[in-house]
Amino acid sequence: MKIRPLADKVLVQRLEAETKTRGGIVLPDSAKEKPQRGKIISVGDGKVLEDGTVRKLQVKKGDNVLFTSYAGTDVKIDGKEYLIMSESDIMAVIEK
């Protein structure tokens, strides 16, 4: 199934949660936090401004991003979990 978000929305797949701390302690499932990093799978056409023009999004498909803790809405598509969020919920693009 192909999903295309509308307007300034993006479809993000969360990156895997860390299983160890930096000090080497293995975390049980109950102690793991949902990661705030993800990969953009699909983007909308852009935000429609008050004058009717469309402002393109600053992120693109394939970008690794950092987003706020409670960003987006969880959705399940073809058995995989994703987030649909507004571009404004994204705080930064992680460059390699």
PDB file of N, CA and C in Angstrom:
ATOM      1  N   MET A   1       0.856  -1.171   0.000  1.00  0.00           N
ATOM      2  CA  MET A   1       0.000   0.000   0.000  1.00  0.00           C
ATOM      3  C   MET A   1       0.903   1.235   0.000  1.00  0.00           C
ATOM      4  N   LYS A   2       0.551   2.232  -0.770  1.00  0.00           N
ATOM      5  CA  LYS A   2       1.314   3.469  -0.844  1.00  0.00           C
ATOM      6  C   LYS A   2       0.528   4.572  -0.147  1.00  0.00           C
ATOM      7  N   ILE A   3       1.193   5.298   0.749  1.00  0.00           N
ATOM      8  CA  ILE A   3       0.557   6.372   1.506  1.00  0.00           C
ATOM      9  C   ILE A   3       1.216   7.696   1.128  1.00  0.00           C
ATOM     10  N   ARG A   4       0.403   8.711   0.818  1.00  0.00           N
ATOM     11  CA  ARG A   4       0.901  10.052   0.531  1.00  0.00           C
ATOM     12  C   ARG A   4       0.228  11.005   1.504  1.00  0.00           C
ATOM     13  N   PRO A   5       0.978  11.527   2.467  1.00  0.00           N
ATOM     14  CA  PRO A   5       0.396  12.482   3.422  1.00  0.00           C
ATOM     15  C   PRO A   5      -0.067  13.743   2.713  1.00  0.00           C
ATOM     16  N   LEU A   6      -1.012  14.436   3.317  1.00  0.00           N
ATOM     17  CA  LEU A   6      -1.548  15.668   2.758  1.00  0.00           C
ATOM     18  C   LEU A   6      -0.881  16.890   3.383  1.00  0.00           C
ATOM     19  N   ALA A   7      -0.876  17.975   2.646  1.00  0.00           N
ATOM     20  CA  ALA A   7      -0.385  19.297   3.096  1.00  0.00           C
ATOM     21  C   ALA A   7       0.998  19.205   3.729  1.00  0.00           C
ATOM     22  N   ASP A   8       1.124  19.641   5.003  1.00  0.00           N
ATOM     23  CA  ASP A   8       2.434  19.675   5.656  1.00  0.00           C
ATOM     24  C   ASP A   8       2.680  18.462   6.549  1.00  0.00           C
ATOM     25  N   LYS A   9       2.017  17.372   6.275  1.00  0.00           N
ATOM     26  CA  LYS A   9       2.183  16.145   7.062  1.00  0.00           C
ATOM     27  C   LYS A   9       3.288  15.274   6.462  1.00  0.00           C
ATOM     28  N   VAL A  10       3.941  14.483   7.330  1.00  0.00           N
ATOM     29  CA  VAL A  10       4.965  13.541   6.899  1.00  0.00           C
ATOM     30  C   VAL A  10       4.702  12.179   7.532  1.00  0.00           C
ATOM     31  N   LEU A  11       5.110  11.120   6.844  1.00  0.00           N
ATOM     32  CA  LEU A  11       5.001   9.756   7.353  1.00  0.00           C
ATOM     33  C   LEU A  11       6.393   9.341   7.789  1.00  0.00           C
ATOM     34  N   VAL A  12       6.530   8.960   9.067  1.00  0.00           N
ATOM     35  CA  VAL A  12       7.834   8.656   9.657  1.00  0.00           C
ATOM     36  C   VAL A  12       7.820   7.253  10.226  1.00  0.00           C
ATOM     37  N   GLN A  13       8.927   6.526  10.005  1.00  0.00           N
ATOM     38  CA  GLN A  13       9.109   5.226  10.637  1.00  0.00           C
ATOM     39  C   GLN A  13      10.131   5.409  11.752  1.00  0.00           C
ATOM     40  N   ARG A  14       9.734   5.079  12.980  1.00  0.00           N
ATOM     41  CA  ARG A  14      10.643   5.232  14.120  1.00  0.00           C
ATOM     42  C   ARG A  14      11.856   4.320  13.943  1.00  0.00           C
ATOM     43  N   LEU A  15      13.005   4.806  14.397  1.00  0.00           N
ATOM     44  CA  LEU A  15      14.196   3.968  14.435  1.00  0.00           C
ATOM     45  C   LEU A  15      14.084   3.057  15.653  1.00  0.00           C
ATOM     46  N   GLU A  16      14.806   1.969  15.661  1.00  0.00           N
ATOM     47  CA  GLU A  16      14.740   1.001  16.754  1.00  0.00           C
ATOM     48  C   GLU A  16      15.195   1.624  18.068  1.00  0.00           C
ATOM     49  N   ALA A  17      14.561   1.199  19.156  1.00  0.00           N
ATOM     50  CA  ALA A  17      14.923   1.678  20.489  1.00  0.00           C
ATOM     51  C   ALA A  17      16.270   1.084  20.889  1.00  0.00           C
ATOM     52  N   GLU A  18      17.012   1.845  21.666  1.00  0.00           N
ATOM     53  CA  GLU A  18      18.305   1.375  22.161  1.00  0.00           C
ATOM     54  C   GLU A  18      18.075   0.228  23.140  1.00  0.00           C
ATOM     55  N   THR A  19      18.901  -0.820  23.039  1.00  0.00           N
ATOM     56  CA  THR A  19      18.776  -1.968  23.939  1.00  0.00           C
ATOM     57  C   THR A  19      19.792  -1.924  25.073  1.00  0.00           C
ATOM     58  N   LYS A  20      20.807  -1.034  24.932  1.00  0.00           N
ATOM     59  CA  LYS A  20      21.825  -0.873  25.971  1.00  0.00           C
ATOM     60  C   LYS A  20      22.062   0.612  26.229  1.00  0.00           C
ATOM     61  N   THR A  21      22.453   0.909  27.459  1.00  0.00           N
ATOM     62  CA  THR A  21      22.857   2.275  27.772  1.00  0.00           C
ATOM     63  C   THR A  21      24.293   2.470  27.292  1.00  0.00           C
ATOM     64  N   ARG A  22      24.766   3.703  27.311  1.00  0.00           N
ATOM     65  CA  ARG A  22      26.159   3.966  26.917  1.00  0.00           C
ATOM     66  C   ARG A  22      27.142   3.242  27.824  1.00  0.00           C
ATOM     67  N   GLY A  23      26.743   2.995  29.056  1.00  0.00           N
ATOM     68  CA  GLY A  23      27.604   2.295  30.007  1.00  0.00           C
ATOM     69  C   GLY A  23      27.573   0.786  29.851  1.00  0.00           C
ATOM     70  N   GLY A  24      26.738   0.274  28.938  1.00  0.00           N
ATOM     71  CA  GLY A  24      26.695  -1.161  28.672  1.00  0.00           C
ATOM     72  C   GLY A  24      25.606  -1.922  29.402  1.00  0.00           C
ATOM     73  N   ILE A  25      24.729  -1.225  30.117  1.00  0.00           N
ATOM     74  CA  ILE A  25      23.646  -1.900  30.836  1.00  0.00           C
ATOM     75  C   ILE A  25      22.543  -2.254  29.842  1.00  0.00           C
ATOM     76  N   VAL A  26      22.113  -3.515  29.859  1.00  0.00           N
ATOM     77  CA  VAL A  26      21.047  -3.973  28.969  1.00  0.00           C
ATOM     78  C   VAL A  26      19.705  -3.557  29.561  1.00  0.00           C
ATOM     79  N   LEU A  27      18.877  -2.898  28.745  1.00  0.00           N
ATOM     80  CA  LEU A  27      17.579  -2.401  29.208  1.00  0.00           C
ATOM     81  C   LEU A  27      16.481  -3.429  28.968  1.00  0.00           C
ATOM     82  N   PRO A  28      15.636  -3.700  29.991  1.00  0.00           N
ATOM     83  CA  PRO A  28      14.477  -4.564  29.752  1.00  0.00           C
ATOM     84  C   PRO A  28      13.437  -3.805  28.926  1.00  0.00           C
ATOM     85  N   ASP A  29      12.529  -4.527  28.292  1.00  0.00           N
ATOM     86  CA  ASP A  29      11.507  -3.894  27.455  1.00  0.00           C
ATOM     87  C   ASP A  29      10.698  -2.844  28.204  1.00  0.00           C
ATOM     88  N   SER A  30      10.440  -3.072  29.486  1.00  0.00           N
ATOM     89  CA  SER A  30       9.624  -2.127  30.259  1.00  0.00           C
ATOM     90  C   SER A  30      10.344  -0.799  30.501  1.00  0.00           C
ATOM     91  N   ALA A  31      11.664  -0.773  30.406  1.00  0.00           N
ATOM     92  CA  ALA A  31      12.425   0.454  30.668  1.00  0.00           C
ATOM     93  C   ALA A  31      12.765   1.220  29.402  1.00  0.00           C
ATOM     94  N   LYS A  32      12.501   0.631  28.249  1.00  0.00           N
ATOM     95  CA  LYS A  32      12.835   1.296  26.988  1.00  0.00           C
ATOM     96  C   LYS A  32      11.858   2.427  26.714  1.00  0.00           C
ATOM     97  N   GLU A  33      12.393   3.534  26.248  1.00  0.00           N
ATOM     98  CA  GLU A  33      11.558   4.655  25.832  1.00  0.00           C
ATOM     99  C   GLU A  33      11.375   4.591  24.327  1.00  0.00           C
ATOM    100  N   LYS A  34      10.266   5.120  23.853  1.00  0.00           N
ATOM    101  CA  LYS A  34      10.072   5.186  22.408  1.00  0.00           C
ATOM    102  C   LYS A  34      11.105   6.150  21.837  1.00  0.00           C
ATOM    103  N   PRO A  35      11.779   5.748  20.792  1.00  0.00           N
ATOM    104  CA  PRO A  35      12.796   6.633  20.218  1.00  0.00           C
ATOM    105  C   PRO A  35      12.173   7.896  19.626  1.00  0.00           C
ATOM    106  N   GLN A  36      12.926   8.988  19.665  1.00  0.00           N
ATOM    107  CA  GLN A  36      12.481  10.256  19.103  1.00  0.00           C
ATOM    108  C   GLN A  36      13.181  10.512  17.778  1.00  0.00           C
ATOM    109  N   ARG A  37      13.699   9.450  17.188  1.00  0.00           N
ATOM    110  CA  ARG A  37      14.369   9.549  15.897  1.00  0.00           C
ATOM    111  C   ARG A  37      13.634   8.660  14.909  1.00  0.00           C
ATOM    112  N   GLY A  38      13.627   9.090  13.655  1.00  0.00           N
ATOM    113  CA  GLY A  38      12.962   8.293  12.643  1.00  0.00           C
ATOM    114  C   GLY A  38      13.417   8.652  11.247  1.00  0.00           C
ATOM    115  N   LYS A  39      12.930   7.864  10.306  1.00  0.00           N
ATOM    116  CA  LYS A  39      13.245   8.077   8.895  1.00  0.00           C
ATOM    117  C   LYS A  39      11.957   8.466   8.181  1.00  0.00           C
ATOM    118  N   ILE A  40      12.043   9.505   7.369  1.00  0.00           N
ATOM    119  CA  ILE A  40      10.870   9.971   6.638  1.00  0.00           C
ATOM    120  C   ILE A  40      10.620   9.032   5.458  1.00  0.00           C
ATOM    121  N   ILE A  41       9.405   8.509   5.409  1.00  0.00           N
ATOM    122  CA  ILE A  41       9.004   7.570   4.365  1.00  0.00           C
ATOM    123  C   ILE A  41       8.309   8.298   3.224  1.00  0.00           C
ATOM    124  N   SER A  42       7.493   9.297   3.560  1.00  0.00           N
ATOM    125  CA  SER A  42       6.733  10.028   2.551  1.00  0.00           C
ATOM    126  C   SER A  42       6.391  11.417   3.089  1.00  0.00           C
ATOM    127  N   VAL A  43       6.262  12.390   2.193  1.00  0.00           N
ATOM    128  CA  VAL A  43       5.925  13.761   2.596  1.00  0.00           C
ATOM    129  C   VAL A  43       4.754  14.283   1.774  1.00  0.00           C
ATOM    130  N   GLY A  44       4.034  15.249   2.356  1.00  0.00           N
ATOM    131  CA  GLY A  44       2.944  15.908   1.646  1.00  0.00           C
ATOM    132  C   GLY A  44       3.479  16.947   0.671  1.00  0.00           C
ATOM    133  N   ASP A  45       2.574  17.633  -0.008  1.00  0.00           N
ATOM    134  CA  ASP A  45       2.958  18.621  -1.018  1.00  0.00           C
ATOM    135  C   ASP A  45       3.470  19.926  -0.411  1.00  0.00           C
ATOM    136  N   GLY A  46       3.084  20.245   0.801  1.00  0.00           N
ATOM    137  CA  GLY A  46       3.533  21.471   1.447  1.00  0.00           C
ATOM    138  C   GLY A  46       2.396  22.169   2.151  1.00  0.00           C
ATOM    139  N   LYS A  47       2.757  23.177   2.925  1.00  0.00           N
ATOM    140  CA  LYS A  47       1.763  23.930   3.693  1.00  0.00           C
ATOM    141  C   LYS A  47       1.138  25.020   2.823  1.00  0.00           C
ATOM    142  N   VAL A  48      -0.188  25.087   2.856  1.00  0.00           N
ATOM    143  CA  VAL A  48      -0.902  26.120   2.111  1.00  0.00           C
ATOM    144  C   VAL A  48      -0.944  27.374   2.989  1.00  0.00           C
ATOM    145  N   LEU A  49      -0.367  28.436   2.488  1.00  0.00           N
ATOM    146  CA  LEU A  49      -0.319  29.698   3.225  1.00  0.00           C
ATOM    147  C   LEU A  49      -1.618  30.483   3.049  1.00  0.00           C
ATOM    148  N   GLU A  50      -1.797  31.546   3.826  1.00  0.00           N
ATOM    149  CA  GLU A  50      -3.026  32.340   3.794  1.00  0.00           C
ATOM    150  C   GLU A  50      -3.311  32.935   2.420  1.00  0.00           C
ATOM    151  N   ASP A  51      -2.264  33.263   1.661  1.00  0.00           N
ATOM    152  CA  ASP A  51      -2.479  33.852   0.334  1.00  0.00           C
ATOM    153  C   ASP A  51      -2.713  32.795  -0.748  1.00  0.00           C
ATOM    154  N   GLY A  52      -2.775  31.520  -0.338  1.00  0.00           N
ATOM    155  CA  GLY A  52      -3.071  30.440  -1.281  1.00  0.00           C
ATOM    156  C   GLY A  52      -1.856  29.784  -1.901  1.00  0.00           C
ATOM    157  N   THR A  53      -0.672  30.330  -1.663  1.00  0.00           N
ATOM    158  CA  THR A  53       0.535  29.705  -2.202  1.00  0.00           C
ATOM    159  C   THR A  53       0.933  28.512  -1.330  1.00  0.00           C
ATOM    160  N   VAL A  54       1.708  27.617  -1.904  1.00  0.00           N
ATOM    161  CA  VAL A  54       2.139  26.421  -1.181  1.00  0.00           C
ATOM    162  C   VAL A  54       3.624  26.543  -0.870  1.00  0.00           C
ATOM    163  N   ARG A  55       3.953  26.407   0.417  1.00  0.00           N
ATOM    164  CA  ARG A  55       5.352  26.418   0.845  1.00  0.00           C
ATOM    165  C   ARG A  55       5.826  24.974   0.943  1.00  0.00           C
ATOM    166  N   LYS A  56       6.852  24.642   0.147  1.00  0.00           N
ATOM    167  CA  LYS A  56       7.376  23.274   0.158  1.00  0.00           C
ATOM    168  C   LYS A  56       7.958  22.947   1.519  1.00  0.00           C
ATOM    169  N   LEU A  57       7.949  21.654   1.854  1.00  0.00           N
ATOM    170  CA  LEU A  57       8.493  21.201   3.122  1.00  0.00           C
ATOM    171  C   LEU A  57      10.015  21.273   3.111  1.00  0.00           C
ATOM    172  N   GLN A  58      10.605  21.453   4.284  1.00  0.00           N
ATOM    173  CA  GLN A  58      12.054  21.513   4.409  1.00  0.00           C
ATOM    174  C   GLN A  58      12.676  20.128   4.499  1.00  0.00           C
ATOM    175  N   VAL A  59      11.876  19.107   4.752  1.00  0.00           N
ATOM    176  CA  VAL A  59      12.364  17.730   4.837  1.00  0.00           C
ATOM    177  C   VAL A  59      11.954  16.974   3.581  1.00  0.00           C
ATOM    178  N   LYS A  60      12.649  15.865   3.327  1.00  0.00           N
ATOM    179  CA  LYS A  60      12.337  15.068   2.142  1.00  0.00           C
ATOM    180  C   LYS A  60      12.389  13.584   2.491  1.00  0.00           C
ATOM    181  N   LYS A  61      11.870  12.787   1.609  1.00  0.00           N
ATOM    182  CA  LYS A  61      11.881  11.337   1.785  1.00  0.00           C
ATOM    183  C   LYS A  61      13.320  10.861   1.988  1.00  0.00           C
ATOM    184  N   GLY A  62      13.517   9.999   2.992  1.00  0.00           N
ATOM    185  CA  GLY A  62      14.837   9.452   3.280  1.00  0.00           C
ATOM    186  C   GLY A  62      15.598  10.176   4.372  1.00  0.00           C
ATOM    187  N   ASP A  63      15.168  11.388   4.746  1.00  0.00           N
ATOM    188  CA  ASP A  63      15.852  12.131   5.817  1.00  0.00           C
ATOM    189  C   ASP A  63      15.671  11.419   7.149  1.00  0.00           C
ATOM    190  N   ASN A  64      16.737  11.399   7.959  1.00  0.00           N
ATOM    191  CA  ASN A  64      16.636  10.946   9.345  1.00  0.00           C
ATOM    192  C   ASN A  64      16.381  12.188  10.177  1.00  0.00           C
ATOM    193  N   VAL A  65      15.361  12.121  11.032  1.00  0.00           N
ATOM    194  CA  VAL A  65      14.932  13.312  11.768  1.00  0.00           C
ATOM    195  C   VAL A  65      14.803  13.038  13.263  1.00  0.00           C
ATOM    196  N   LEU A  66      14.827  14.126  14.018  1.00  0.00           N
ATOM    197  CA  LEU A  66      14.610  14.120  15.453  1.00  0.00           C
ATOM    198  C   LEU A  66      13.303  14.867  15.689  1.00  0.00           C
ATOM    199  N   PHE A  67      12.363  14.246  16.420  1.00  0.00           N
ATOM    200  CA  PHE A  67      11.062  14.872  16.626  1.00  0.00           C
ATOM    201  C   PHE A  67      10.695  14.895  18.099  1.00  0.00           C
ATOM    202  N   THR A  68       9.669  15.670  18.435  1.00  0.00           N
ATOM    203  CA  THR A  68       9.251  15.822  19.829  1.00  0.00           C
ATOM    204  C   THR A  68       8.670  14.520  20.380  1.00  0.00           C
ATOM    205  N   SER A  69       8.680  14.400  21.707  1.00  0.00           N
ATOM    206  CA  SER A  69       8.269  13.164  22.380  1.00  0.00           C
ATOM    207  C   SER A  69       6.856  12.703  22.033  1.00  0.00           C
ATOM    208  N   TYR A  70       5.936  13.627  21.990  1.00  0.00           N
ATOM    209  CA  TYR A  70       4.539  13.255  21.783  1.00  0.00           C
ATOM    210  C   TYR A  70       4.056  13.613  20.383  1.00  0.00           C
ATOM    211  N   ALA A  71       4.974  13.613  19.439  1.00  0.00           N
ATOM    212  CA  ALA A  71       4.652  14.009  18.068  1.00  0.00           C
ATOM    213  C   ALA A  71       3.828  12.946  17.362  1.00  0.00           C
ATOM    214  N   GLY A  72       2.915  13.409  16.544  1.00  0.00           N
ATOM    215  CA  GLY A  72       2.224  12.560  15.594  1.00  0.00           C
ATOM    216  C   GLY A  72       1.193  11.602  16.149  1.00  0.00           C
ATOM    217  N   THR A  73       0.645  10.868  15.205  1.00  0.00           N
ATOM    218  CA  THR A  73      -0.362   9.851  15.487  1.00  0.00           C
ATOM    219  C   THR A  73       0.163   8.514  15.004  1.00  0.00           C
ATOM    220  N   ASP A  74       0.111   7.506  15.878  1.00  0.00           N
ATOM    221  CA  ASP A  74       0.562   6.169  15.507  1.00  0.00           C
ATOM    222  C   ASP A  74      -0.424   5.540  14.536  1.00  0.00           C
ATOM    223  N   VAL A  75       0.090   4.972  13.449  1.00  0.00           N
ATOM    224  CA  VAL A  75      -0.741   4.248  12.489  1.00  0.00           C
ATOM    225  C   VAL A  75      -0.036   2.949  12.136  1.00  0.00           C
ATOM    226  N   LYS A  76      -0.820   1.948  11.774  1.00  0.00           N
ATOM    227  CA  LYS A  76      -0.278   0.657  11.373  1.00  0.00           C
ATOM    228  C   LYS A  76      -0.684   0.412   9.928  1.00  0.00           C
ATOM    229  N   ILE A  77       0.312   0.225   9.060  1.00  0.00           N
ATOM    230  CA  ILE A  77       0.060   0.020   7.637  1.00  0.00           C
ATOM    231  C   ILE A  77       0.786  -1.244   7.209  1.00  0.00           C
ATOM    232  N   ASP A  78       0.053  -2.189   6.671  1.00  0.00           N
ATOM    233  CA  ASP A  78       0.628  -3.465   6.226  1.00  0.00           C
ATOM    234  C   ASP A  78       1.471  -4.118   7.319  1.00  0.00           C
ATOM    235  N   GLY A  79       1.016  -4.036   8.565  1.00  0.00           N
ATOM    236  CA  GLY A  79       1.704  -4.675   9.678  1.00  0.00           C
ATOM    237  C   GLY A  79       2.889  -3.909  10.236  1.00  0.00           C
ATOM    238  N   LYS A  80       3.215  -2.760   9.676  1.00  0.00           N
ATOM    239  CA  LYS A  80       4.334  -1.954  10.166  1.00  0.00           C
ATOM    240  C   LYS A  80       3.787  -0.712  10.860  1.00  0.00           C
ATOM    241  N   GLU A  81       4.506  -0.260  11.902  1.00  0.00           N
ATOM    242  CA  GLU A  81       4.067   0.917  12.644  1.00  0.00           C
ATOM    243  C   GLU A  81       4.772   2.167  12.135  1.00  0.00           C
ATOM    244  N   TYR A  82       3.989   3.231  11.970  1.00  0.00           N
ATOM    245  CA  TYR A  82       4.490   4.516  11.493  1.00  0.00           C
ATOM    246  C   TYR A  82       3.885   5.629  12.336  1.00  0.00           C
ATOM    247  N   LEU A  83       4.388   6.837  12.134  1.00  0.00           N
ATOM    248  CA  LEU A  83       3.816   8.051  12.720  1.00  0.00           C
ATOM    249  C   LEU A  83       3.465   8.994  11.591  1.00  0.00           C
ATOM    250  N   ILE A  84       2.311   9.624  11.678  1.00  0.00           N
ATOM    251  CA  ILE A  84       1.976  10.724  10.779  1.00  0.00           C
ATOM    252  C   ILE A  84       2.003  11.978  11.638  1.00  0.00           C
ATOM    253  N   MET A  85       2.835  12.948  11.230  1.00  0.00           N
ATOM    254  CA  MET A  85       2.990  14.160  12.028  1.00  0.00           C
ATOM    255  C   MET A  85       3.113  15.372  11.132  1.00  0.00           C
ATOM    256  N   SER A  86       2.927  16.523  11.732  1.00  0.00           N
ATOM    257  CA  SER A  86       3.147  17.782  11.021  1.00  0.00           C
ATOM    258  C   SER A  86       4.640  18.060  10.948  1.00  0.00           C
ATOM    259  N   GLU A  87       5.030  18.781   9.917  1.00  0.00           N
ATOM    260  CA  GLU A  87       6.439  19.146   9.784  1.00  0.00           C
ATOM    261  C   GLU A  87       6.905  19.948  11.005  1.00  0.00           C
ATOM    262  N   SER A  88       6.017  20.703  11.611  1.00  0.00           N
ATOM    263  CA  SER A  88       6.383  21.529  12.767  1.00  0.00           C
ATOM    264  C   SER A  88       6.765  20.693  13.994  1.00  0.00           C
ATOM    265  N   ASP A  89       6.399  19.404  14.024  1.00  0.00           N
ATOM    266  CA  ASP A  89       6.786  18.516  15.129  1.00  0.00           C
ATOM    267  C   ASP A  89       8.226  18.036  14.983  1.00  0.00           C
ATOM    268  N   ILE A  90       8.818  18.241  13.820  1.00  0.00           N
ATOM    269  CA  ILE A  90      10.197  17.813  13.585  1.00  0.00           C
ATOM    270  C   ILE A  90      11.123  18.930  14.042  1.00  0.00           C
ATOM    271  N   MET A  91      12.087  18.568  14.894  1.00  0.00           N
ATOM    272  CA  MET A  91      13.000  19.570  15.455  1.00  0.00           C
ATOM    273  C   MET A  91      14.279  19.705  14.637  1.00  0.00           C
ATOM    274  N   ALA A  92      14.731  18.615  14.008  1.00  0.00           N
ATOM    275  CA  ALA A  92      16.006  18.676  13.301  1.00  0.00           C
ATOM    276  C   ALA A  92      16.141  17.523  12.319  1.00  0.00           C
ATOM    277  N   VAL A  93      16.960  17.756  11.285  1.00  0.00           N
ATOM    278  CA  VAL A  93      17.365  16.697  10.356  1.00  0.00           C
ATOM    279  C   VAL A  93      18.740  16.243  10.816  1.00  0.00           C
ATOM    280  N   ILE A  94      18.914  14.927  10.956  1.00  0.00           N
ATOM    281  CA  ILE A  94      20.201  14.370  11.395  1.00  0.00           C
ATOM    282  C   ILE A  94      21.033  14.108  10.149  1.00  0.00           C
ATOM    283  N   GLU A  95      22.141  14.820  10.036  1.00  0.00           N
ATOM    284  CA  GLU A  95      23.015  14.648   8.881  1.00  0.00           C
ATOM    285  C   GLU A  95      24.157  13.719   9.242  1.00  0.00           C
ATOM    286  N   LYS A  96      24.551  12.911   8.280  1.00  0.00           N
ATOM    287  CA  LYS A  96      25.595  11.911   8.534  1.00  0.00           C
ATOM    288  C   LYS A  96      26.956  12.461   8.290  1.00  0.00           C
TER     289      LYS A  96
END
